[in-house]
Amino acid sequence: MPTDSNSDALRETPPLYHPPPETQRWIDELYREEILEARAMSPSGKVLAGQQLVESACRITLAGIRNQNPGTTEEQCREILRQRLEWQKKLEATS
């Protein structure tokens, strides 16, 4: 953990990661497949996929909230999540 005299260490940008060429080819191919699948989806399929993505993100965030706040009730965790979503909405409105 950095000391106060070294607090800039937290602001340093880590070096960029460049995977080996074969790995990058796999990454590019998987990305291409995802794009083609998304383009082939119906509008209602895209809406459903978006809803599933948001629900998944909320489940992951709730798990993090529970981990950060042991002993917190489910209702309190959901209120923290609601507050975070509200803060995000305000940040988006001001930018």
N, C-alpha and C. Protein backbone atom coordinates (compact mmCIF):
# COMPACT_ATOMS: atom_id res chain seq x y z
N MET A 1 0.85 -1.18 0.00
CA MET A 1 0.00 0.00 0.00
C MET A 1 0.89 1.23 0.00
N PRO A 2 0.63 2.21 -0.90
CA PRO A 2 1.49 3.37 -0.97
C PRO A 2 1.33 4.26 0.24
N THR A 3 2.42 4.92 0.60
CA THR A 3 2.38 5.89 1.69
C THR A 3 1.92 7.22 1.13
N ASP A 4 1.68 8.19 2.03
CA ASP A 4 1.25 9.51 1.57
C ASP A 4 2.26 10.14 0.64
N SER A 5 3.55 9.90 0.88
CA SER A 5 4.58 10.48 0.03
C SER A 5 4.59 9.84 -1.35
N ASN A 6 3.91 8.70 -1.51
CA ASN A 6 3.88 8.00 -2.78
C ASN A 6 2.45 7.84 -3.29
N SER A 7 1.58 8.79 -2.96
CA SER A 7 0.17 8.64 -3.32
C SER A 7 -0.05 8.72 -4.83
N ASP A 8 0.90 9.29 -5.56
CA ASP A 8 0.77 9.34 -7.02
C ASP A 8 0.87 7.96 -7.64
N ALA A 9 1.38 6.98 -6.90
CA ALA A 9 1.50 5.63 -7.44
C ALA A 9 0.12 5.07 -7.81
N LEU A 10 -0.92 5.53 -7.12
CA LEU A 10 -2.27 5.06 -7.44
C LEU A 10 -2.78 5.65 -8.75
N ARG A 11 -2.19 6.76 -9.19
CA ARG A 11 -2.64 7.42 -10.41
C ARG A 11 -1.87 6.94 -11.64
N GLU A 12 -0.83 6.17 -11.44
CA GLU A 12 -0.04 5.70 -12.57
C GLU A 12 -0.87 4.77 -13.45
N THR A 13 -0.67 4.88 -14.74
CA THR A 13 -1.36 4.03 -15.68
C THR A 13 -0.50 2.79 -15.93
N PRO A 14 -1.08 1.62 -15.75
CA PRO A 14 -0.29 0.40 -16.00
C PRO A 14 0.03 0.29 -17.48
N PRO A 15 1.10 -0.41 -17.81
CA PRO A 15 1.42 -0.58 -19.24
C PRO A 15 0.31 -1.36 -19.94
N LEU A 16 0.10 -1.02 -21.20
CA LEU A 16 -0.92 -1.71 -21.98
C LEU A 16 -0.53 -3.16 -22.19
N TYR A 17 -1.53 -4.03 -22.16
CA TYR A 17 -1.30 -5.45 -22.38
C TYR A 17 -1.53 -5.76 -23.86
N HIS A 18 -0.59 -6.40 -24.45
CA HIS A 18 -0.71 -6.84 -25.84
C HIS A 18 -0.60 -8.35 -25.86
N PRO A 19 -1.72 -9.04 -26.10
CA PRO A 19 -1.66 -10.51 -26.11
C PRO A 19 -0.82 -11.01 -27.28
N PRO A 20 -0.38 -12.25 -27.17
CA PRO A 20 0.35 -12.85 -28.30
C PRO A 20 -0.52 -12.83 -29.56
N PRO A 21 0.08 -12.80 -30.75
CA PRO A 21 -0.69 -12.70 -31.99
C PRO A 21 -1.79 -13.76 -32.14
N GLU A 22 -1.51 -15.01 -31.79
CA GLU A 22 -2.52 -16.06 -31.93
C GLU A 22 -3.71 -15.79 -31.01
N THR A 23 -3.44 -15.36 -29.79
CA THR A 23 -4.51 -15.01 -28.85
C THR A 23 -5.32 -13.83 -29.37
N GLN A 24 -4.63 -12.83 -29.93
CA GLN A 24 -5.33 -11.67 -30.47
C GLN A 24 -6.23 -12.07 -31.63
N ARG A 25 -5.80 -13.02 -32.45
CA ARG A 25 -6.64 -13.50 -33.55
C ARG A 25 -7.92 -14.14 -33.01
N TRP A 26 -7.80 -14.92 -31.92
CA TRP A 26 -8.99 -15.54 -31.30
C TRP A 26 -9.92 -14.46 -30.75
N ILE A 27 -9.34 -13.49 -30.08
CA ILE A 27 -10.14 -12.39 -29.52
C ILE A 27 -10.90 -11.68 -30.64
N ASP A 28 -10.19 -11.37 -31.72
CA ASP A 28 -10.81 -10.67 -32.84
C ASP A 28 -11.93 -11.50 -33.47
N GLU A 29 -11.72 -12.81 -33.60
CA GLU A 29 -12.73 -13.68 -34.20
C GLU A 29 -13.97 -13.77 -33.31
N LEU A 30 -13.76 -13.91 -31.99
CA LEU A 30 -14.90 -13.95 -31.07
C LEU A 30 -15.69 -12.65 -31.11
N TYR A 31 -14.98 -11.54 -31.17
CA TYR A 31 -15.64 -10.24 -31.24
C TYR A 31 -16.45 -10.13 -32.53
N ARG A 32 -15.86 -10.56 -33.63
CA ARG A 32 -16.56 -10.53 -34.92
C ARG A 32 -17.84 -11.37 -34.86
N GLU A 33 -17.76 -12.55 -34.25
CA GLU A 33 -18.95 -13.40 -34.12
C GLU A 33 -20.02 -12.72 -33.28
N GLU A 34 -19.62 -12.07 -32.20
CA GLU A 34 -20.60 -11.37 -31.35
C GLU A 34 -21.29 -10.26 -32.13
N ILE A 35 -20.53 -9.52 -32.93
CA ILE A 35 -21.10 -8.44 -33.73
C ILE A 35 -22.10 -8.99 -34.74
N LEU A 36 -21.72 -10.07 -35.43
CA LEU A 36 -22.62 -10.67 -36.42
C LEU A 36 -23.90 -11.19 -35.77
N GLU A 37 -23.77 -11.81 -34.59
CA GLU A 37 -24.95 -12.30 -33.87
C GLU A 37 -25.85 -11.14 -33.47
N ALA A 38 -25.26 -10.06 -32.98
CA ALA A 38 -26.05 -8.90 -32.57
C ALA A 38 -26.78 -8.28 -33.76
N ARG A 39 -26.11 -8.21 -34.89
CA ARG A 39 -26.75 -7.64 -36.09
C ARG A 39 -27.91 -8.51 -36.58
N ALA A 40 -27.82 -9.81 -36.34
CA ALA A 40 -28.86 -10.73 -36.80
C ALA A 40 -30.07 -10.76 -35.87
N MET A 41 -29.94 -10.20 -34.67
CA MET A 41 -31.04 -10.24 -33.70
C MET A 41 -32.18 -9.33 -34.12
N SER A 42 -33.38 -9.75 -33.77
CA SER A 42 -34.55 -8.90 -34.00
C SER A 42 -34.52 -7.75 -32.99
N PRO A 43 -35.25 -6.68 -33.26
CA PRO A 43 -35.30 -5.57 -32.30
C PRO A 43 -35.76 -6.03 -30.91
N SER A 44 -36.76 -6.91 -30.85
CA SER A 44 -37.22 -7.38 -29.54
C SER A 44 -36.15 -8.24 -28.87
N GLY A 45 -35.39 -8.98 -29.66
CA GLY A 45 -34.29 -9.77 -29.10
C GLY A 45 -33.21 -8.88 -28.51
N LYS A 46 -32.96 -7.75 -29.18
CA LYS A 46 -31.97 -6.80 -28.66
C LYS A 46 -32.43 -6.18 -27.35
N VAL A 47 -33.72 -5.85 -27.27
CA VAL A 47 -34.27 -5.29 -26.03
C VAL A 47 -34.15 -6.32 -24.91
N LEU A 48 -34.49 -7.57 -25.19
CA LEU A 48 -34.39 -8.62 -24.19
C LEU A 48 -32.94 -8.82 -23.74
N ALA A 49 -32.01 -8.81 -24.68
CA ALA A 49 -30.60 -8.97 -24.34
C ALA A 49 -30.13 -7.81 -23.46
N GLY A 50 -30.60 -6.60 -23.77
CA GLY A 50 -30.25 -5.44 -22.95
C GLY A 50 -30.79 -5.57 -21.54
N GLN A 51 -32.02 -6.03 -21.42
CA GLN A 51 -32.63 -6.23 -20.10
C GLN A 51 -31.85 -7.28 -19.31
N GLN A 52 -31.47 -8.36 -19.97
CA GLN A 52 -30.70 -9.41 -19.29
C GLN A 52 -29.34 -8.88 -18.84
N LEU A 53 -28.72 -8.04 -19.65
CA LEU A 53 -27.43 -7.46 -19.30
C LEU A 53 -27.55 -6.57 -18.06
N VAL A 54 -28.59 -5.74 -18.02
CA VAL A 54 -28.81 -4.87 -16.87
C VAL A 54 -29.08 -5.70 -15.62
N GLU A 55 -29.92 -6.72 -15.73
CA GLU A 55 -30.22 -7.57 -14.57
C GLU A 55 -28.96 -8.28 -14.08
N SER A 56 -28.13 -8.73 -14.99
CA SER A 56 -26.88 -9.40 -14.61
C SER A 56 -25.95 -8.42 -13.89
N ALA A 57 -25.85 -7.20 -14.42
CA ALA A 57 -25.01 -6.18 -13.79
C ALA A 57 -25.51 -5.85 -12.39
N CYS A 58 -26.83 -5.80 -12.22
CA CYS A 58 -27.40 -5.52 -10.90
C CYS A 58 -27.11 -6.65 -9.92
N ARG A 59 -27.20 -7.91 -10.39
CA ARG A 59 -26.88 -9.05 -9.51
C ARG A 59 -25.42 -9.00 -9.07
N ILE A 60 -24.53 -8.68 -10.00
CA ILE A 60 -23.10 -8.61 -9.66
C ILE A 60 -22.85 -7.45 -8.69
N THR A 61 -23.49 -6.32 -8.94
CA THR A 61 -23.32 -5.17 -8.06
C THR A 61 -23.88 -5.47 -6.67
N LEU A 62 -25.03 -6.12 -6.60
CA LEU A 62 -25.59 -6.50 -5.30
C LEU A 62 -24.66 -7.44 -4.54
N ALA A 63 -24.03 -8.36 -5.25
CA ALA A 63 -23.08 -9.27 -4.59
C ALA A 63 -21.92 -8.47 -4.02
N GLY A 64 -21.45 -7.47 -4.76
CA GLY A 64 -20.38 -6.62 -4.25
C GLY A 64 -20.82 -5.81 -3.05
N ILE A 65 -22.04 -5.30 -3.07
CA ILE A 65 -22.57 -4.53 -1.95
C ILE A 65 -22.66 -5.41 -0.71
N ARG A 66 -23.15 -6.65 -0.88
CA ARG A 66 -23.22 -7.58 0.26
C ARG A 66 -21.83 -7.85 0.83
N ASN A 67 -20.86 -8.01 -0.06
CA ASN A 67 -19.49 -8.28 0.37
C ASN A 67 -18.89 -7.08 1.12
N GLN A 68 -19.20 -5.88 0.66
CA GLN A 68 -18.68 -4.67 1.28
C GLN A 68 -19.39 -4.33 2.58
N ASN A 69 -20.60 -4.84 2.77
CA ASN A 69 -21.42 -4.48 3.92
C ASN A 69 -21.96 -5.73 4.61
N PRO A 70 -21.10 -6.50 5.26
CA PRO A 70 -21.59 -7.72 5.93
C PRO A 70 -22.64 -7.37 6.99
N GLY A 71 -23.63 -8.21 7.09
CA GLY A 71 -24.68 -8.00 8.08
C GLY A 71 -25.79 -7.08 7.60
N THR A 72 -25.68 -6.57 6.38
CA THR A 72 -26.70 -5.69 5.83
C THR A 72 -27.85 -6.54 5.30
N THR A 73 -29.06 -6.09 5.54
CA THR A 73 -30.22 -6.84 5.06
C THR A 73 -30.33 -6.71 3.54
N GLU A 74 -31.12 -7.61 2.95
CA GLU A 74 -31.33 -7.57 1.51
C GLU A 74 -32.00 -6.25 1.11
N GLU A 75 -32.93 -5.79 1.93
CA GLU A 75 -33.60 -4.51 1.64
C GLU A 75 -32.60 -3.35 1.65
N GLN A 76 -31.67 -3.35 2.62
CA GLN A 76 -30.66 -2.29 2.68
C GLN A 76 -29.72 -2.37 1.47
N CYS A 77 -29.36 -3.58 1.06
CA CYS A 77 -28.50 -3.75 -0.11
C CYS A 77 -29.18 -3.21 -1.35
N ARG A 78 -30.46 -3.50 -1.51
CA ARG A 78 -31.19 -3.00 -2.67
C ARG A 78 -31.32 -1.48 -2.64
N GLU A 79 -31.42 -0.90 -1.46
CA GLU A 79 -31.48 0.56 -1.34
C GLU A 79 -30.13 1.17 -1.74
N ILE A 80 -29.04 0.55 -1.34
CA ILE A 80 -27.71 1.02 -1.76
C ILE A 80 -27.58 0.94 -3.28
N LEU A 81 -28.04 -0.16 -3.86
CA LEU A 81 -28.02 -0.30 -5.31
C LEU A 81 -28.86 0.80 -5.96
N ARG A 82 -30.05 1.05 -5.43
CA ARG A 82 -30.92 2.10 -5.98
C ARG A 82 -30.21 3.45 -5.94
N GLN A 83 -29.52 3.74 -4.81
CA GLN A 83 -28.80 5.00 -4.69
C GLN A 83 -27.68 5.10 -5.73
N ARG A 84 -26.96 4.00 -5.92
CA ARG A 84 -25.88 4.01 -6.91
C ARG A 84 -26.42 4.24 -8.32
N LEU A 85 -27.54 3.63 -8.63
CA LEU A 85 -28.14 3.84 -9.95
C LEU A 85 -28.60 5.28 -10.11
N GLU A 86 -29.12 5.86 -9.04
CA GLU A 86 -29.55 7.26 -9.06
C GLU A 86 -28.34 8.18 -9.25
N TRP A 87 -27.24 7.90 -8.56
CA TRP A 87 -26.02 8.70 -8.73
C TRP A 87 -25.53 8.63 -10.17
N GLN A 88 -25.58 7.44 -10.75
CA GLN A 88 -25.14 7.26 -12.13
C GLN A 88 -26.01 8.08 -13.07
N LYS A 89 -27.31 8.07 -12.83
CA LYS A 89 -28.23 8.84 -13.67
C LYS A 89 -27.89 10.33 -13.59
N LYS A 90 -27.59 10.82 -12.38
CA LYS A 90 -27.23 12.23 -12.20
C LYS A 90 -25.91 12.56 -12.89
N LEU A 91 -24.94 11.65 -12.80
CA LEU A 91 -23.66 11.87 -13.47
C LEU A 91 -23.83 11.95 -14.98
N GLU A 92 -24.66 11.08 -15.52
CA GLU A 92 -24.90 11.09 -16.98
C GLU A 92 -25.62 12.36 -17.40
N ALA A 93 -26.50 12.87 -16.55
CA ALA A 93 -27.25 14.08 -16.88
C ALA A 93 -26.36 15.32 -16.88
N THR A 94 -25.28 15.30 -16.10
CA THR A 94 -24.40 16.46 -16.00
C THR A 94 -23.23 16.40 -16.97
N SER A 95 -23.07 15.29 -17.67
CA SER A 95 -21.92 15.21 -18.59
C SER A 95 -22.33 15.27 -20.03
